[in-house]
Amino acid sequence: MDTDINDTTKSAAHFFDAVSSTYREKYSHQSPFHRYYFNERLEKALKGLDLSEKDVLDIGSGTGNLYDRVVAQWPSVRFHATDVSAGMLEQSSVPGERTFLGNAYDHDLPVRRFDVIFMLGVTTYLSGLELARNLAFMEESLKPGGRVVITFSNKHGLDTWMRAIFRMPARLLGRKDRVLASGLRLRTYTRREVIALLGPHLVVDEVDMHNHTIFPFGSLLPDLAIPLARHLDRWRASALKRWLSSDLLVRAHVRS
């Protein structure tokens, strides 16, 4: 069990350490669609929340983009962050005394109970054992009525299928700075699987869809892909919309 967790964590840490120095650029003006997608995820993750004077934990915080958005809107927030990549944390503006290297469940954090826990863009790189341990940690580490926001890669998305097709050609081209060519094992989930996984630990309030794109057109044709993604986001939930969405965003709360 521990071997599976350690190997997966080391692989993810090694990859993100290697790309950490340029990671922010990927989601800036260098890549219009990535910037749009990343900001859409932050906006949806924060929807309906008031984080003033709240204790917040960001699991897999990366370079701290969520922190930058949160602290600008709620300066009184008490924000803590964990990540398995030292390189990513070095690029973050989260205060050093509130960042923790490694898995959240391995730390004796200064705050024992949180109002909100985020885990965005992380589950794709977690083994089943790691995900289960993180979900148990969340259940134990939330205040009564505490909430979580988690994203998952959508197994039923056309984008997922296209990435699977392009995975081997990408690796042959040697772009090891890209997730697709990294050799990391990527996990995807259906809506039903997500609800079943969270069920023993948390009460699922909503499963939203986001990042309405199909690889590689978001990068190749951003001027077309971004307006189309915005249009799809306004659609009502349906099987077709789920098929055209690459990610699932889940809001849940801890049982009383």
C-alpha atoms as a PDB file:
ATOM      1  CA  MET A   1       0.000   0.000   0.000  1.00  0.00           C
ATOM      2  CA  ASP A   2       2.632   2.510   1.066  1.00  0.00           C
ATOM      3  CA  THR A   3       4.829   1.536  -1.899  1.00  0.00           C
ATOM      4  CA  ASP A   4       2.035   2.423  -4.333  1.00  0.00           C
ATOM      5  CA  ILE A   5       1.455   5.764  -2.632  1.00  0.00           C
ATOM      6  CA  ASN A   6       5.156   6.638  -2.431  1.00  0.00           C
ATOM      7  CA  ASP A   7       5.897   5.717  -6.053  1.00  0.00           C
ATOM      8  CA  THR A   8       2.964   7.748  -7.367  1.00  0.00           C
ATOM      9  CA  THR A   9       3.842  10.739  -5.199  1.00  0.00           C
ATOM     10  CA  LYS A  10       7.509  10.639  -6.225  1.00  0.00           C
ATOM     11  CA  SER A  11       6.634  10.479  -9.923  1.00  0.00           C
ATOM     12  CA  ALA A  12       4.279  13.461  -9.671  1.00  0.00           C
ATOM     13  CA  ALA A  13       6.750  15.431  -7.544  1.00  0.00           C
ATOM     14  CA  HIS A  14       9.582  14.787 -10.000  1.00  0.00           C
ATOM     15  CA  PHE A  15       7.521  15.953 -12.986  1.00  0.00           C
ATOM     16  CA  PHE A  16       6.178  19.111 -11.344  1.00  0.00           C
ATOM     17  CA  ASP A  17       9.574  20.007  -9.907  1.00  0.00           C
ATOM     18  CA  ALA A  18      10.918  19.896 -13.466  1.00  0.00           C
ATOM     19  CA  VAL A  19       8.241  22.230 -14.883  1.00  0.00           C
ATOM     20  CA  SER A  20       7.762  24.484 -11.859  1.00  0.00           C
ATOM     21  CA  SER A  21       9.893  27.408 -13.065  1.00  0.00           C
ATOM     22  CA  THR A  22       7.715  27.957 -16.145  1.00  0.00           C
ATOM     23  CA  TYR A  23       4.389  26.648 -14.835  1.00  0.00           C
ATOM     24  CA  ARG A  24       2.793  30.049 -14.259  1.00  0.00           C
ATOM     25  CA  GLU A  25       3.637  31.090 -17.826  1.00  0.00           C
ATOM     26  CA  LYS A  26       1.533  28.221 -19.168  1.00  0.00           C
ATOM     27  CA  TYR A  27      -1.561  29.775 -17.612  1.00  0.00           C
ATOM     28  CA  SER A  28      -0.714  33.361 -18.507  1.00  0.00           C
ATOM     29  CA  HIS A  29      -0.811  35.185 -21.832  1.00  0.00           C
ATOM     30  CA  GLN A  30       1.482  32.570 -23.349  1.00  0.00           C
ATOM     31  CA  SER A  31      -1.486  30.216 -23.802  1.00  0.00           C
ATOM     32  CA  PRO A  32      -4.892  31.960 -24.115  1.00  0.00           C
ATOM     33  CA  PHE A  33      -6.954  28.802 -23.782  1.00  0.00           C
ATOM     34  CA  HIS A  34      -5.048  27.520 -20.754  1.00  0.00           C
ATOM     35  CA  ARG A  35      -5.490  30.930 -19.147  1.00  0.00           C
ATOM     36  CA  TYR A  36      -9.225  30.851 -19.853  1.00  0.00           C
ATOM     37  CA  TYR A  37      -9.596  27.287 -18.552  1.00  0.00           C
ATOM     38  CA  PHE A  38      -7.555  27.949 -15.417  1.00  0.00           C
ATOM     39  CA  ASN A  39      -9.514  31.102 -14.528  1.00  0.00           C
ATOM     40  CA  GLU A  40     -12.806  29.334 -15.228  1.00  0.00           C
ATOM     41  CA  ARG A  41     -11.830  26.624 -12.747  1.00  0.00           C
ATOM     42  CA  LEU A  42     -10.963  29.184 -10.060  1.00  0.00           C
ATOM     43  CA  GLU A  43     -14.217  31.075 -10.585  1.00  0.00           C
ATOM     44  CA  LYS A  44     -16.293  27.908 -10.348  1.00  0.00           C
ATOM     45  CA  ALA A  45     -14.357  26.651  -7.337  1.00  0.00           C
ATOM     46  CA  LEU A  46     -15.046  29.888  -5.423  1.00  0.00           C
ATOM     47  CA  LYS A  47     -18.666  30.235  -6.516  1.00  0.00           C
ATOM     48  CA  GLY A  48     -20.989  30.927  -3.587  1.00  0.00           C
ATOM     49  CA  LEU A  49     -18.227  31.004  -0.975  1.00  0.00           C
ATOM     50  CA  ASP A  50     -17.332  33.715   1.515  1.00  0.00           C
ATOM     51  CA  LEU A  51     -13.837  33.072   2.854  1.00  0.00           C
ATOM     52  CA  SER A  52     -13.541  36.111   5.127  1.00  0.00           C
ATOM     53  CA  GLU A  53     -11.973  35.067   8.451  1.00  0.00           C
ATOM     54  CA  LYS A  54     -12.093  31.437   7.304  1.00  0.00           C
ATOM     55  CA  ASP A  55      -9.540  28.651   7.681  1.00  0.00           C
ATOM     56  CA  VAL A  56      -8.781  27.317   4.203  1.00  0.00           C
ATOM     57  CA  LEU A  57      -6.552  24.475   3.013  1.00  0.00           C
ATOM     58  CA  ASP A  58      -5.422  24.018  -0.583  1.00  0.00           C
ATOM     59  CA  ILE A  59      -4.194  20.452  -1.237  1.00  0.00           C
ATOM     60  CA  GLY A  60      -1.909  20.400  -4.255  1.00  0.00           C
ATOM     61  CA  SER A  61      -1.621  24.173  -4.308  1.00  0.00           C
ATOM     62  CA  GLY A  62       0.965  24.309  -7.080  1.00  0.00           C
ATOM     63  CA  THR A  63       2.288  27.802  -7.699  1.00  0.00           C
ATOM     64  CA  GLY A  64      -0.417  29.368  -5.526  1.00  0.00           C
ATOM     65  CA  ASN A  65      -2.847  30.705  -8.120  1.00  0.00           C
ATOM     66  CA  LEU A  66      -5.834  29.939  -5.907  1.00  0.00           C
ATOM     67  CA  TYR A  67      -4.166  31.739  -3.006  1.00  0.00           C
ATOM     68  CA  ASP A  68      -3.519  34.828  -5.131  1.00  0.00           C
ATOM     69  CA  ARG A  69      -7.187  34.975  -6.140  1.00  0.00           C
ATOM     70  CA  VAL A  70      -8.516  34.273  -2.631  1.00  0.00           C
ATOM     71  CA  VAL A  71      -6.320  36.682  -0.682  1.00  0.00           C
ATOM     72  CA  ALA A  72      -7.091  39.494  -3.149  1.00  0.00           C
ATOM     73  CA  GLN A  73     -10.823  39.015  -2.555  1.00  0.00           C
ATOM     74  CA  TRP A  74     -10.745  38.081   1.154  1.00  0.00           C
ATOM     75  CA  PRO A  75      -7.597  39.541   2.789  1.00  0.00           C
ATOM     76  CA  SER A  76      -8.605  38.177   6.206  1.00  0.00           C
ATOM     77  CA  VAL A  77      -8.563  34.547   5.030  1.00  0.00           C
ATOM     78  CA  ARG A  78      -6.282  32.129   6.914  1.00  0.00           C
ATOM     79  CA  PHE A  79      -4.872  30.156   3.998  1.00  0.00           C
ATOM     80  CA  HIS A  80      -2.680  27.046   4.225  1.00  0.00           C
ATOM     81  CA  ALA A  81      -1.218  25.070   1.327  1.00  0.00           C
ATOM     82  CA  THR A  82       0.350  21.674   0.699  1.00  0.00           C
ATOM     83  CA  ASP A  83       2.046  20.218  -2.370  1.00  0.00           C
ATOM     84  CA  VAL A  84       4.296  17.248  -3.075  1.00  0.00           C
ATOM     85  CA  SER A  85       6.516  19.412  -5.308  1.00  0.00           C
ATOM     86  CA  ALA A  86       9.082  21.627  -3.609  1.00  0.00           C
ATOM     87  CA  GLY A  87       9.637  23.450  -6.891  1.00  0.00           C
ATOM     88  CA  MET A  88       5.989  24.437  -7.175  1.00  0.00           C
ATOM     89  CA  LEU A  89       5.880  25.724  -3.597  1.00  0.00           C
ATOM     90  CA  GLU A  90       8.999  27.808  -4.253  1.00  0.00           C
ATOM     91  CA  GLN A  91       7.095  29.642  -7.011  1.00  0.00           C
ATOM     92  CA  SER A  92       4.130  30.321  -4.712  1.00  0.00           C
ATOM     93  CA  SER A  93       3.417  33.523  -2.830  1.00  0.00           C
ATOM     94  CA  VAL A  94       1.730  31.673   0.041  1.00  0.00           C
ATOM     95  CA  PRO A  95       3.683  32.645   3.199  1.00  0.00           C
ATOM     96  CA  GLY A  96       6.361  30.073   3.945  1.00  0.00           C
ATOM     97  CA  GLU A  97       5.059  29.286   7.417  1.00  0.00           C
ATOM     98  CA  ARG A  98       1.745  28.273   5.841  1.00  0.00           C
ATOM     99  CA  THR A  99       3.139  25.948   3.149  1.00  0.00           C
ATOM    100  CA  PHE A 100       3.840  22.265   3.746  1.00  0.00           C
ATOM    101  CA  LEU A 101       5.772  19.920   1.477  1.00  0.00           C
ATOM    102  CA  GLY A 102       4.265  16.483   0.979  1.00  0.00           C
ATOM    103  CA  ASN A 103       0.858  14.969   1.497  1.00  0.00           C
ATOM    104  CA  ALA A 104      -1.569  16.886   3.709  1.00  0.00           C
ATOM    105  CA  TYR A 105      -2.333  13.791   5.779  1.00  0.00           C
ATOM    106  CA  ASP A 106       1.348  13.391   6.727  1.00  0.00           C
ATOM    107  CA  HIS A 107       1.536  16.782   8.487  1.00  0.00           C
ATOM    108  CA  ASP A 108       0.550  17.975  11.920  1.00  0.00           C
ATOM    109  CA  LEU A 109      -0.923  21.178  10.526  1.00  0.00           C
ATOM    110  CA  PRO A 110      -1.226  24.242  12.797  1.00  0.00           C
ATOM    111  CA  VAL A 111      -4.962  24.316  12.052  1.00  0.00           C
ATOM    112  CA  ARG A 112      -6.753  21.092  12.904  1.00  0.00           C
ATOM    113  CA  ARG A 113     -10.139  21.920  11.376  1.00  0.00           C
ATOM    114  CA  PHE A 114     -10.865  23.896   8.221  1.00  0.00           C
ATOM    115  CA  ASP A 115     -13.911  25.703   6.889  1.00  0.00           C
ATOM    116  CA  VAL A 116     -13.079  24.864   3.273  1.00  0.00           C
ATOM    117  CA  ILE A 117     -10.636  22.421   1.661  1.00  0.00           C
ATOM    118  CA  PHE A 118      -9.779  22.686  -2.029  1.00  0.00           C
ATOM    119  CA  MET A 119      -8.152  20.013  -4.183  1.00  0.00           C
ATOM    120  CA  LEU A 120      -8.042  21.308  -7.757  1.00  0.00           C
ATOM    121  CA  GLY A 121      -6.281  19.540 -10.614  1.00  0.00           C
ATOM    122  CA  VAL A 122      -4.853  16.889  -8.299  1.00  0.00           C
ATOM    123  CA  THR A 123      -6.930  13.699  -8.442  1.00  0.00           C
ATOM    124  CA  THR A 124      -5.730  12.960 -11.986  1.00  0.00           C
ATOM    125  CA  TYR A 125      -2.285  12.201 -10.530  1.00  0.00           C
ATOM    126  CA  LEU A 126      -3.379  10.273  -7.429  1.00  0.00           C
ATOM    127  CA  SER A 127      -3.528   6.519  -7.061  1.00  0.00           C
ATOM    128  CA  GLY A 128      -6.750   5.078  -5.704  1.00  0.00           C
ATOM    129  CA  LEU A 129      -5.085   4.608  -2.321  1.00  0.00           C
ATOM    130  CA  GLU A 130      -3.888   8.224  -2.218  1.00  0.00           C
ATOM    131  CA  LEU A 131      -7.323   9.531  -3.147  1.00  0.00           C
ATOM    132  CA  ALA A 132      -8.981   7.433  -0.441  1.00  0.00           C
ATOM    133  CA  ARG A 133      -6.496   8.675   2.152  1.00  0.00           C
ATOM    134  CA  ASN A 134      -7.050  12.297   1.128  1.00  0.00           C
ATOM    135  CA  LEU A 135     -10.826  11.918   1.311  1.00  0.00           C
ATOM    136  CA  ALA A 136     -10.548  10.405   4.807  1.00  0.00           C
ATOM    137  CA  PHE A 137      -8.269  13.289   5.808  1.00  0.00           C
ATOM    138  CA  MET A 138     -10.818  15.811   4.537  1.00  0.00           C
ATOM    139  CA  GLU A 139     -13.611  14.157   6.470  1.00  0.00           C
ATOM    140  CA  GLU A 140     -11.560  14.335   9.667  1.00  0.00           C
ATOM    141  CA  SER A 141     -10.222  17.849   9.066  1.00  0.00           C
ATOM    142  CA  LEU A 142     -13.382  19.834   8.341  1.00  0.00           C
ATOM    143  CA  LYS A 143     -15.309  21.897  10.828  1.00  0.00           C
ATOM    144  CA  PRO A 144     -19.014  21.070  11.249  1.00  0.00           C
ATOM    145  CA  GLY A 145     -20.641  22.200   8.021  1.00  0.00           C
ATOM    146  CA  GLY A 146     -17.225  22.462   6.365  1.00  0.00           C
ATOM    147  CA  ARG A 147     -17.059  22.244   2.593  1.00  0.00           C
ATOM    148  CA  VAL A 148     -14.750  20.770  -0.022  1.00  0.00           C
ATOM    149  CA  VAL A 149     -14.233  21.571  -3.698  1.00  0.00           C
ATOM    150  CA  ILE A 150     -12.518  18.859  -5.771  1.00  0.00           C
ATOM    151  CA  THR A 151     -11.946  18.418  -9.503  1.00  0.00           C
ATOM    152  CA  PHE A 152     -11.686  15.176 -11.471  1.00  0.00           C
ATOM    153  CA  SER A 153     -10.771  14.399 -15.070  1.00  0.00           C
ATOM    154  CA  ASN A 154     -13.906  13.254 -16.886  1.00  0.00           C
ATOM    155  CA  LYS A 155     -13.648   9.651 -18.110  1.00  0.00           C
ATOM    156  CA  HIS A 156     -16.600  10.149 -20.477  1.00  0.00           C
ATOM    157  CA  GLY A 157     -15.212  13.320 -22.051  1.00  0.00           C
ATOM    158  CA  LEU A 158     -14.220  13.364 -25.707  1.00  0.00           C
ATOM    159  CA  ASP A 159     -11.147  15.324 -24.611  1.00  0.00           C
ATOM    160  CA  THR A 160     -10.032  12.332 -22.514  1.00  0.00           C
ATOM    161  CA  TRP A 161     -10.338   9.996 -25.491  1.00  0.00           C
ATOM    162  CA  MET A 162      -8.422  12.365 -27.748  1.00  0.00           C
ATOM    163  CA  ARG A 163      -5.610  12.663 -25.221  1.00  0.00           C
ATOM    164  CA  ALA A 164      -5.364   8.889 -25.032  1.00  0.00           C
ATOM    165  CA  ILE A 165      -4.967   8.763 -28.822  1.00  0.00           C
ATOM    166  CA  PHE A 166      -2.257  11.449 -28.840  1.00  0.00           C
ATOM    167  CA  ARG A 167      -0.400  10.168 -25.782  1.00  0.00           C
ATOM    168  CA  MET A 168       2.027   7.867 -27.618  1.00  0.00           C
ATOM    169  CA  PRO A 169       2.848  10.324 -30.454  1.00  0.00           C
ATOM    170  CA  ALA A 170       3.490  13.020 -27.820  1.00  0.00           C
ATOM    171  CA  ARG A 171       5.918  10.756 -25.972  1.00  0.00           C
ATOM    172  CA  LEU A 172       7.724   9.898 -29.206  1.00  0.00           C
ATOM    173  CA  LEU A 173       8.188  13.618 -29.862  1.00  0.00           C
ATOM    174  CA  GLY A 174       9.995  13.847 -26.535  1.00  0.00           C
ATOM    175  CA  ARG A 175       8.023  16.705 -24.951  1.00  0.00           C
ATOM    176  CA  LYS A 176       8.660  15.575 -21.390  1.00  0.00           C
ATOM    177  CA  ASP A 177       7.582  18.995 -20.095  1.00  0.00           C
ATOM    178  CA  ARG A 178       3.988  18.151 -21.044  1.00  0.00           C
ATOM    179  CA  VAL A 179       1.732  15.967 -18.909  1.00  0.00           C
ATOM    180  CA  LEU A 180       0.637  14.022 -21.976  1.00  0.00           C
ATOM    181  CA  ALA A 181       4.211  12.902 -22.695  1.00  0.00           C
ATOM    182  CA  SER A 182       5.425  12.663 -19.112  1.00  0.00           C
ATOM    183  CA  GLY A 183       4.739   8.987 -18.525  1.00  0.00           C
ATOM    184  CA  LEU A 184       2.611   9.797 -15.480  1.00  0.00           C
ATOM    185  CA  ARG A 185      -0.362   7.501 -15.024  1.00  0.00           C
ATOM    186  CA  LEU A 186      -3.466   9.660 -15.332  1.00  0.00           C
ATOM    187  CA  ARG A 187      -6.716   8.725 -13.586  1.00  0.00           C
ATOM    188  CA  THR A 188     -10.135   9.636 -14.962  1.00  0.00           C
ATOM    189  CA  TYR A 189     -13.574   9.226 -13.391  1.00  0.00           C
ATOM    190  CA  THR A 190     -17.225   9.122 -14.331  1.00  0.00           C
ATOM    191  CA  ARG A 191     -19.794  11.173 -12.461  1.00  0.00           C
ATOM    192  CA  ARG A 192     -21.140   7.995 -10.877  1.00  0.00           C
ATOM    193  CA  GLU A 193     -17.667   6.899  -9.752  1.00  0.00           C
ATOM    194  CA  VAL A 194     -17.000  10.303  -8.167  1.00  0.00           C
ATOM    195  CA  ILE A 195     -20.217  10.196  -6.151  1.00  0.00           C
ATOM    196  CA  ALA A 196     -19.472   6.622  -5.027  1.00  0.00           C
ATOM    197  CA  LEU A 197     -15.921   7.536  -3.946  1.00  0.00           C
ATOM    198  CA  LEU A 198     -16.974  10.564  -1.940  1.00  0.00           C
ATOM    199  CA  GLY A 199     -20.093   8.950  -0.467  1.00  0.00           C
ATOM    200  CA  PRO A 200     -18.462   7.219   2.535  1.00  0.00           C
ATOM    201  CA  HIS A 201     -16.770  10.464   3.592  1.00  0.00           C
ATOM    202  CA  LEU A 202     -18.758  13.471   2.382  1.00  0.00           C
ATOM    203  CA  VAL A 203     -22.183  14.553   1.178  1.00  0.00           C
ATOM    204  CA  VAL A 204     -22.049  15.571  -2.489  1.00  0.00           C
ATOM    205  CA  ASP A 205     -23.965  18.799  -3.159  1.00  0.00           C
ATOM    206  CA  GLU A 206     -23.216  19.282  -6.850  1.00  0.00           C
ATOM    207  CA  VAL A 207     -21.206  17.835  -9.714  1.00  0.00           C
ATOM    208  CA  ASP A 208     -20.530  20.618 -12.205  1.00  0.00           C
ATOM    209  CA  MET A 209     -18.853  20.345 -15.597  1.00  0.00           C
ATOM    210  CA  HIS A 210     -16.072  22.620 -16.794  1.00  0.00           C
ATOM    211  CA  ASN A 211     -13.319  22.999 -19.369  1.00  0.00           C
ATOM    212  CA  HIS A 212     -15.463  22.420 -22.428  1.00  0.00           C
ATOM    213  CA  THR A 213     -12.772  21.575 -24.936  1.00  0.00           C
ATOM    214  CA  ILE A 214     -11.383  18.849 -27.144  1.00  0.00           C
ATOM    215  CA  PHE A 215      -7.625  18.301 -27.306  1.00  0.00           C
ATOM    216  CA  PRO A 216      -5.682  19.660 -29.191  1.00  0.00           C
ATOM    217  CA  PHE A 217      -8.044  22.303 -30.600  1.00  0.00           C
ATOM    218  CA  GLY A 218      -8.027  24.482 -27.463  1.00  0.00           C
ATOM    219  CA  SER A 219      -4.331  25.189 -28.021  1.00  0.00           C
ATOM    220  CA  LEU A 220      -4.356  25.219 -31.829  1.00  0.00           C
ATOM    221  CA  LEU A 221      -7.480  27.361 -32.313  1.00  0.00           C
ATOM    222  CA  PRO A 222      -7.973  29.393 -29.114  1.00  0.00           C
ATOM    223  CA  ASP A 223      -9.885  32.202 -30.870  1.00  0.00           C
ATOM    224  CA  LEU A 224     -12.537  29.648 -31.788  1.00  0.00           C
ATOM    225  CA  ALA A 225     -12.245  27.341 -28.783  1.00  0.00           C
ATOM    226  CA  ILE A 226     -12.746  29.997 -26.085  1.00  0.00           C
ATOM    227  CA  PRO A 227     -16.060  31.437 -27.430  1.00  0.00           C
ATOM    228  CA  LEU A 228     -17.290  27.884 -28.031  1.00  0.00           C
ATOM    229  CA  ALA A 229     -16.344  26.858 -24.481  1.00  0.00           C
ATOM    230  CA  ARG A 230     -18.213  29.863 -23.063  1.00  0.00           C
ATOM    231  CA  HIS A 231     -21.252  28.955 -25.144  1.00  0.00           C
ATOM    232  CA  LEU A 232     -21.197  25.328 -23.970  1.00  0.00           C
ATOM    233  CA  ASP A 233     -20.870  26.435 -20.356  1.00  0.00           C
ATOM    234  CA  ARG A 234     -24.286  28.103 -20.635  1.00  0.00           C
ATOM    235  CA  TRP A 235     -25.948  24.864 -21.712  1.00  0.00           C
ATOM    236  CA  ARG A 236     -28.073  22.975 -19.253  1.00  0.00           C
ATOM    237  CA  ALA A 237     -26.557  19.768 -17.881  1.00  0.00           C
ATOM    238  CA  SER A 238     -26.942  16.935 -20.360  1.00  0.00           C
ATOM    239  CA  ALA A 239     -25.166  13.839 -21.632  1.00  0.00           C
ATOM    240  CA  LEU A 240     -23.903  15.861 -24.612  1.00  0.00           C
ATOM    241  CA  LYS A 241     -22.466  18.594 -22.384  1.00  0.00           C
ATOM    242  CA  ARG A 242     -20.757  15.991 -20.216  1.00  0.00           C
ATOM    243  CA  TRP A 243     -19.244  14.437 -23.353  1.00  0.00           C
ATOM    244  CA  LEU A 244     -17.875  17.860 -24.366  1.00  0.00           C
ATOM    245  CA  SER A 245     -16.440  18.652 -20.910  1.00  0.00           C
ATOM    246  CA  SER A 246     -13.000  17.452 -19.876  1.00  0.00           C
ATOM    247  CA  ASP A 247     -13.415  17.921 -16.122  1.00  0.00           C
ATOM    248  CA  LEU A 248     -15.872  17.511 -13.277  1.00  0.00           C
ATOM    249  CA  LEU A 249     -15.956  19.947 -10.350  1.00  0.00           C
ATOM    250  CA  VAL A 250     -17.515  18.603  -7.172  1.00  0.00           C
ATOM    251  CA  ARG A 251     -18.842  20.545  -4.209  1.00  0.00           C
ATOM    252  CA  ALA A 252     -19.504  18.582  -1.035  1.00  0.00           C
ATOM    253  CA  HIS A 253     -19.819  19.041   2.708  1.00  0.00           C
ATOM    254  CA  VAL A 254     -19.008  17.024   5.800  1.00  0.00           C
ATOM    255  CA  ARG A 255     -21.807  15.271   7.620  1.00  0.00           C
ATOM    256  CA  SER A 256     -22.922  16.871  10.879  1.00  0.00           C
END
